Amino acid sequence: MNGVALHVANDGPGVLEAELRVELFAGDRSVGRGAVRITVGTHSTVEHDVETVLGRWVDAAYAYRFGPPAHDVVVATLVRHDVTLASTCRFPAGRPLEPRPAPELGARAWIDGGAAPRVSVESRSLLYGVRVHLPGWRPEDDAFTVAPGERRTIALTPEGAHTDAPAGELTALNLEGRLTVGPPA
């Protein structure tokens, strides 16, 4: 009944100064957002409440259930110097497991070339439980969520002496079928 708490831990040797962002989505539409600057000491933690970051009460946990839920997902992101350090989601009314086709979600994925290949994924709608399947390559992150309108870029590491350009597929728990991943379109 106390809402949704955000915990940030700093296990590093120095002080962490960053911005903690919160955004609520109802389908593809943002229905609330806020951000606070935080400072986390060495080997310390801080806690913030979602409603405090937003600046208003929204029943973020959907604990009071005054009618249908006003949002489907709470997205919390920790950002420093425009680099995402961590991101997580909470689904107060349940996880989005109903498969939808990629065009309906507005989902696409491509390979950013160069000396250090990366896969970029973006979607108009939430993609949940995203898995990257690129034979011969290991993604830096796997089984992640892409918030509506967000672009996630994941570094790739070759497995063994693999030199072919990355190509393969992407799956998600709420994506119908597989999405081809290859060179940018």
C-alpha atoms as a PDB file:
ATOM      1  CA  MET A   1       0.000   0.000   0.000  1.00  0.00           C
ATOM      2  CA  ASN A   2       3.065   2.278   0.108  1.00  0.00           C
ATOM      3  CA  GLY A   3       3.411   2.618  -3.674  1.00  0.00           C
ATOM      4  CA  VAL A   4       6.466   1.704  -5.742  1.00  0.00           C
ATOM      5  CA  ALA A   5       9.901   2.274  -4.232  1.00  0.00           C
ATOM      6  CA  LEU A   6      12.972   2.819  -6.409  1.00  0.00           C
ATOM      7  CA  HIS A   7      16.255   1.623  -4.940  1.00  0.00           C
ATOM      8  CA  VAL A   8      19.607   2.732  -6.373  1.00  0.00           C
ATOM      9  CA  ALA A   9      22.762   1.011  -5.141  1.00  0.00           C
ATOM     10  CA  ASN A  10      26.315   2.184  -5.756  1.00  0.00           C
ATOM     11  CA  ASP A  11      28.884  -0.569  -5.334  1.00  0.00           C
ATOM     12  CA  GLY A  12      31.599   1.500  -7.008  1.00  0.00           C
ATOM     13  CA  PRO A  13      34.600   3.200  -5.469  1.00  0.00           C
ATOM     14  CA  GLY A  14      33.349   6.744  -6.126  1.00  0.00           C
ATOM     15  CA  VAL A  15      30.258   8.842  -5.537  1.00  0.00           C
ATOM     16  CA  LEU A  16      27.516   8.353  -8.139  1.00  0.00           C
ATOM     17  CA  GLU A  17      25.753  11.483  -9.354  1.00  0.00           C
ATOM     18  CA  ALA A  18      22.957  10.763 -11.805  1.00  0.00           C
ATOM     19  CA  GLU A  19      19.358  11.483 -12.742  1.00  0.00           C
ATOM     20  CA  LEU A  20      16.578   9.087 -11.794  1.00  0.00           C
ATOM     21  CA  ARG A  21      13.752   9.257 -14.344  1.00  0.00           C
ATOM     22  CA  VAL A  22      10.274   7.790 -14.046  1.00  0.00           C
ATOM     23  CA  GLU A  23       7.691   7.546 -16.814  1.00  0.00           C
ATOM     24  CA  LEU A  24       4.218   5.967 -16.808  1.00  0.00           C
ATOM     25  CA  PHE A  25       2.645   4.571 -19.976  1.00  0.00           C
ATOM     26  CA  ALA A  26      -0.935   3.652 -20.835  1.00  0.00           C
ATOM     27  CA  GLY A  27      -0.462   1.644 -24.009  1.00  0.00           C
ATOM     28  CA  ASP A  28       1.840   3.703 -26.248  1.00  0.00           C
ATOM     29  CA  ARG A  29       0.962   7.011 -24.537  1.00  0.00           C
ATOM     30  CA  SER A  30       3.001   8.646 -21.780  1.00  0.00           C
ATOM     31  CA  VAL A  31       0.679   9.621 -18.919  1.00  0.00           C
ATOM     32  CA  GLY A  32       3.232  10.945 -16.445  1.00  0.00           C
ATOM     33  CA  ARG A  33       6.920  11.612 -16.069  1.00  0.00           C
ATOM     34  CA  GLY A  34       9.340  13.098 -13.624  1.00  0.00           C
ATOM     35  CA  ALA A  35      13.027  13.141 -12.722  1.00  0.00           C
ATOM     36  CA  VAL A  36      15.231  13.860  -9.716  1.00  0.00           C
ATOM     37  CA  ARG A  37      18.970  14.358  -9.374  1.00  0.00           C
ATOM     38  CA  ILE A  38      20.479  11.847  -6.975  1.00  0.00           C
ATOM     39  CA  THR A  39      23.805  11.412  -5.249  1.00  0.00           C
ATOM     40  CA  VAL A  40      24.714   7.961  -3.977  1.00  0.00           C
ATOM     41  CA  GLY A  41      27.785   7.619  -1.786  1.00  0.00           C
ATOM     42  CA  THR A  42      30.373   4.892  -2.168  1.00  0.00           C
ATOM     43  CA  HIS A  43      28.972   1.464  -1.264  1.00  0.00           C
ATOM     44  CA  SER A  44      25.620   3.057  -0.396  1.00  0.00           C
ATOM     45  CA  THR A  45      21.996   3.019  -1.468  1.00  0.00           C
ATOM     46  CA  VAL A  46      19.209   5.577  -1.828  1.00  0.00           C
ATOM     47  CA  GLU A  47      15.465   5.071  -2.091  1.00  0.00           C
ATOM     48  CA  HIS A  48      12.855   7.230  -3.791  1.00  0.00           C
ATOM     49  CA  ASP A  49       9.123   6.781  -4.156  1.00  0.00           C
ATOM     50  CA  VAL A  50       7.633   6.922  -7.680  1.00  0.00           C
ATOM     51  CA  GLU A  51       4.970   9.439  -6.627  1.00  0.00           C
ATOM     52  CA  THR A  52       7.622  11.714  -5.099  1.00  0.00           C
ATOM     53  CA  VAL A  53       9.615  11.686  -8.343  1.00  0.00           C
ATOM     54  CA  LEU A  54       6.439  12.416 -10.343  1.00  0.00           C
ATOM     55  CA  GLY A  55       5.332  15.128  -7.920  1.00  0.00           C
ATOM     56  CA  ARG A  56       1.808  13.713  -7.506  1.00  0.00           C
ATOM     57  CA  TRP A  57      -0.034  10.640  -6.326  1.00  0.00           C
ATOM     58  CA  VAL A  58      -0.910   8.192  -9.129  1.00  0.00           C
ATOM     59  CA  ASP A  59      -1.461   4.820  -7.396  1.00  0.00           C
ATOM     60  CA  ALA A  60       1.694   3.594  -9.143  1.00  0.00           C
ATOM     61  CA  ALA A  61       1.353   0.089  -7.669  1.00  0.00           C
ATOM     62  CA  TYR A  62      -2.377  -0.098  -8.509  1.00  0.00           C
ATOM     63  CA  ALA A  63      -2.910  -1.062  -4.864  1.00  0.00           C
ATOM     64  CA  TYR A  64      -6.062   0.986  -4.250  1.00  0.00           C
ATOM     65  CA  ARG A  65      -7.793  -0.029  -7.499  1.00  0.00           C
ATOM     66  CA  PHE A  66     -10.027   3.022  -7.866  1.00  0.00           C
ATOM     67  CA  GLY A  67     -11.382   1.937 -11.251  1.00  0.00           C
ATOM     68  CA  PRO A  68      -9.332   0.536 -14.114  1.00  0.00           C
ATOM     69  CA  PRO A  69      -5.550   1.088 -14.002  1.00  0.00           C
ATOM     70  CA  ALA A  70      -4.487   4.501 -15.308  1.00  0.00           C
ATOM     71  CA  HIS A  71      -1.177   3.081 -16.593  1.00  0.00           C
ATOM     72  CA  ASP A  72       0.165  -0.265 -17.790  1.00  0.00           C
ATOM     73  CA  VAL A  73       3.828   0.152 -16.985  1.00  0.00           C
ATOM     74  CA  VAL A  74       6.120   2.182 -14.734  1.00  0.00           C
ATOM     75  CA  VAL A  75       9.558   2.706 -16.315  1.00  0.00           C
ATOM     76  CA  ALA A  76      12.459   3.801 -14.093  1.00  0.00           C
ATOM     77  CA  THR A  77      15.766   4.782 -15.691  1.00  0.00           C
ATOM     78  CA  LEU A  78      19.061   5.862 -14.142  1.00  0.00           C
ATOM     79  CA  VAL A  79      20.963   8.219 -16.452  1.00  0.00           C
ATOM     80  CA  ARG A  80      24.374   9.902 -16.174  1.00  0.00           C
ATOM     81  CA  HIS A  81      25.742  12.191 -18.906  1.00  0.00           C
ATOM     82  CA  ASP A  82      23.004  10.990 -21.330  1.00  0.00           C
ATOM     83  CA  VAL A  83      24.110   7.366 -20.848  1.00  0.00           C
ATOM     84  CA  THR A  84      21.599   4.897 -19.421  1.00  0.00           C
ATOM     85  CA  LEU A  85      23.184   3.116 -16.469  1.00  0.00           C
ATOM     86  CA  ALA A  86      20.145   1.006 -15.574  1.00  0.00           C
ATOM     87  CA  SER A  87      16.507   0.656 -16.518  1.00  0.00           C
ATOM     88  CA  THR A  88      13.656  -1.373 -15.080  1.00  0.00           C
ATOM     89  CA  CYS A  89       9.899  -1.740 -15.492  1.00  0.00           C
ATOM     90  CA  ARG A  90       7.010  -2.606 -13.227  1.00  0.00           C
ATOM     91  CA  PHE A  91       3.666  -3.815 -14.542  1.00  0.00           C
ATOM     92  CA  PRO A  92       1.014  -2.983 -11.919  1.00  0.00           C
ATOM     93  CA  ALA A  93      -1.834  -4.657 -13.847  1.00  0.00           C
ATOM     94  CA  GLY A  94       0.174  -7.630 -15.157  1.00  0.00           C
ATOM     95  CA  ARG A  95       2.867  -8.306 -17.730  1.00  0.00           C
ATOM     96  CA  PRO A  96       2.123  -7.745 -21.436  1.00  0.00           C
ATOM     97  CA  LEU A  97       2.151 -11.331 -22.709  1.00  0.00           C
ATOM     98  CA  GLU A  98      -0.394 -11.050 -25.541  1.00  0.00           C
ATOM     99  CA  PRO A  99       1.653 -11.465 -28.767  1.00  0.00           C
ATOM    100  CA  ARG A 100       1.265  -8.702 -31.356  1.00  0.00           C
ATOM    101  CA  PRO A 101       2.839  -8.462 -34.844  1.00  0.00           C
ATOM    102  CA  ALA A 102       5.935  -6.251 -35.261  1.00  0.00           C
ATOM    103  CA  PRO A 103       4.159  -3.702 -37.541  1.00  0.00           C
ATOM    104  CA  GLU A 104       1.398  -3.262 -34.933  1.00  0.00           C
ATOM    105  CA  LEU A 105       4.050  -2.650 -32.242  1.00  0.00           C
ATOM    106  CA  GLY A 106       6.083  -0.403 -34.549  1.00  0.00           C
ATOM    107  CA  ALA A 107       9.117  -2.574 -33.734  1.00  0.00           C
ATOM    108  CA  ARG A 108      12.343  -2.724 -35.739  1.00  0.00           C
ATOM    109  CA  ALA A 109      15.921  -3.790 -35.131  1.00  0.00           C
ATOM    110  CA  TRP A 110      19.153  -3.250 -37.048  1.00  0.00           C
ATOM    111  CA  ILE A 111      22.923  -3.580 -36.757  1.00  0.00           C
ATOM    112  CA  ASP A 112      25.036  -0.468 -36.225  1.00  0.00           C
ATOM    113  CA  GLY A 113      28.290  -1.305 -38.003  1.00  0.00           C
ATOM    114  CA  GLY A 114      31.790  -0.189 -37.252  1.00  0.00           C
ATOM    115  CA  ALA A 115      34.677  -1.617 -35.274  1.00  0.00           C
ATOM    116  CA  ALA A 116      32.366  -2.471 -32.355  1.00  0.00           C
ATOM    117  CA  PRO A 117      29.066  -3.771 -33.779  1.00  0.00           C
ATOM    118  CA  ARG A 118      25.872  -3.118 -31.839  1.00  0.00           C
ATOM    119  CA  VAL A 119      22.251  -4.056 -32.286  1.00  0.00           C
ATOM    120  CA  SER A 120      19.682  -1.262 -31.989  1.00  0.00           C
ATOM    121  CA  VAL A 121      16.043  -1.960 -31.159  1.00  0.00           C
ATOM    122  CA  GLU A 122      13.221   0.550 -31.121  1.00  0.00           C
ATOM    123  CA  SER A 123       9.494   0.267 -30.831  1.00  0.00           C
ATOM    124  CA  ARG A 124       6.441   2.509 -30.722  1.00  0.00           C
ATOM    125  CA  SER A 125       4.911   0.087 -28.175  1.00  0.00           C
ATOM    126  CA  LEU A 126       6.436  -1.749 -25.245  1.00  0.00           C
ATOM    127  CA  LEU A 127       8.600  -4.781 -26.108  1.00  0.00           C
ATOM    128  CA  TYR A 128       8.869  -7.132 -23.149  1.00  0.00           C
ATOM    129  CA  GLY A 129      11.452  -9.872 -22.582  1.00  0.00           C
ATOM    130  CA  VAL A 130      13.510  -9.056 -25.682  1.00  0.00           C
ATOM    131  CA  ARG A 131      16.063 -11.716 -26.665  1.00  0.00           C
ATOM    132  CA  VAL A 132      18.737 -11.189 -29.323  1.00  0.00           C
ATOM    133  CA  HIS A 133      19.681 -14.264 -31.410  1.00  0.00           C
ATOM    134  CA  LEU A 134      22.799 -13.557 -33.502  1.00  0.00           C
ATOM    135  CA  PRO A 135      24.854 -16.707 -34.242  1.00  0.00           C
ATOM    136  CA  GLY A 136      28.508 -16.130 -33.383  1.00  0.00           C
ATOM    137  CA  TRP A 137      27.803 -12.988 -31.352  1.00  0.00           C
ATOM    138  CA  ARG A 138      27.017 -12.448 -27.667  1.00  0.00           C
ATOM    139  CA  PRO A 139      24.835  -9.438 -26.737  1.00  0.00           C
ATOM    140  CA  GLU A 140      25.898  -7.306 -23.750  1.00  0.00           C
ATOM    141  CA  ASP A 141      22.317  -7.480 -22.429  1.00  0.00           C
ATOM    142  CA  ASP A 142      19.644 -10.073 -23.022  1.00  0.00           C
ATOM    143  CA  ALA A 143      15.999 -10.462 -21.953  1.00  0.00           C
ATOM    144  CA  PHE A 144      15.463  -6.709 -21.612  1.00  0.00           C
ATOM    145  CA  THR A 145      12.494  -4.375 -22.073  1.00  0.00           C
ATOM    146  CA  VAL A 146      12.171  -1.551 -24.605  1.00  0.00           C
ATOM    147  CA  ALA A 147       9.820   1.186 -23.387  1.00  0.00           C
ATOM    148  CA  PRO A 148       7.408   2.834 -25.861  1.00  0.00           C
ATOM    149  CA  GLY A 149       9.301   5.230 -28.106  1.00  0.00           C
ATOM    150  CA  GLU A 150      12.669   4.138 -26.704  1.00  0.00           C
ATOM    151  CA  ARG A 151      15.737   2.997 -28.649  1.00  0.00           C
ATOM    152  CA  ARG A 152      17.989   0.462 -26.912  1.00  0.00           C
ATOM    153  CA  THR A 153      21.477  -0.144 -28.264  1.00  0.00           C
ATOM    154  CA  ILE A 154      23.250  -3.298 -27.122  1.00  0.00           C
ATOM    155  CA  ALA A 155      26.973  -3.953 -27.680  1.00  0.00           C
ATOM    156  CA  LEU A 156      27.923  -7.229 -29.348  1.00  0.00           C
ATOM    157  CA  THR A 157      31.000  -9.360 -28.643  1.00  0.00           C
ATOM    158  CA  PRO A 158      32.187 -11.963 -31.159  1.00  0.00           C
ATOM    159  CA  GLU A 159      32.330 -15.517 -29.872  1.00  0.00           C
ATOM    160  CA  GLY A 160      35.649 -17.056 -30.866  1.00  0.00           C
ATOM    161  CA  ALA A 161      37.260 -15.983 -34.128  1.00  0.00           C
ATOM    162  CA  HIS A 162      33.930 -15.029 -35.667  1.00  0.00           C
ATOM    163  CA  THR A 163      34.324 -12.341 -38.362  1.00  0.00           C
ATOM    164  CA  ASP A 164      31.004 -12.409 -40.244  1.00  0.00           C
ATOM    165  CA  ALA A 165      28.774  -9.371 -39.909  1.00  0.00           C
ATOM    166  CA  PRO A 166      26.101  -9.858 -37.237  1.00  0.00           C
ATOM    167  CA  ALA A 167      22.732 -11.036 -38.544  1.00  0.00           C
ATOM    168  CA  GLY A 168      19.921 -12.991 -36.966  1.00  0.00           C
ATOM    169  CA  GLU A 169      16.635 -12.503 -35.183  1.00  0.00           C
ATOM    170  CA  LEU A 170      15.035 -10.875 -32.204  1.00  0.00           C
ATOM    171  CA  THR A 171      12.191 -12.271 -30.097  1.00  0.00           C
ATOM    172  CA  ALA A 172      10.081 -10.796 -27.298  1.00  0.00           C
ATOM    173  CA  LEU A 173       7.425 -12.299 -25.066  1.00  0.00           C
ATOM    174  CA  ASN A 174       4.779  -9.952 -26.490  1.00  0.00           C
ATOM    175  CA  LEU A 175       6.042 -10.083 -30.110  1.00  0.00           C
ATOM    176  CA  GLU A 176       4.319 -12.421 -32.546  1.00  0.00           C
ATOM    177  CA  GLY A 177       6.982 -14.438 -34.359  1.00  0.00           C
ATOM    178  CA  ARG A 178      10.529 -13.192 -34.854  1.00  0.00           C
ATOM    179  CA  LEU A 179      11.949  -9.900 -36.070  1.00  0.00           C
ATOM    180  CA  THR A 180      14.853 -10.028 -38.546  1.00  0.00           C
ATOM    181  CA  VAL A 181      18.014  -8.217 -37.424  1.00  0.00           C
ATOM    182  CA  GLY A 182      20.492  -7.183 -40.092  1.00  0.00           C
ATOM    183  CA  PRO A 183      22.077  -4.127 -41.698  1.00  0.00           C
ATOM    184  CA  PRO A 184      20.204  -0.827 -41.279  1.00  0.00           C
ATOM    185  CA  ALA A 185      17.328  -0.332 -43.722  1.00  0.00           C
END
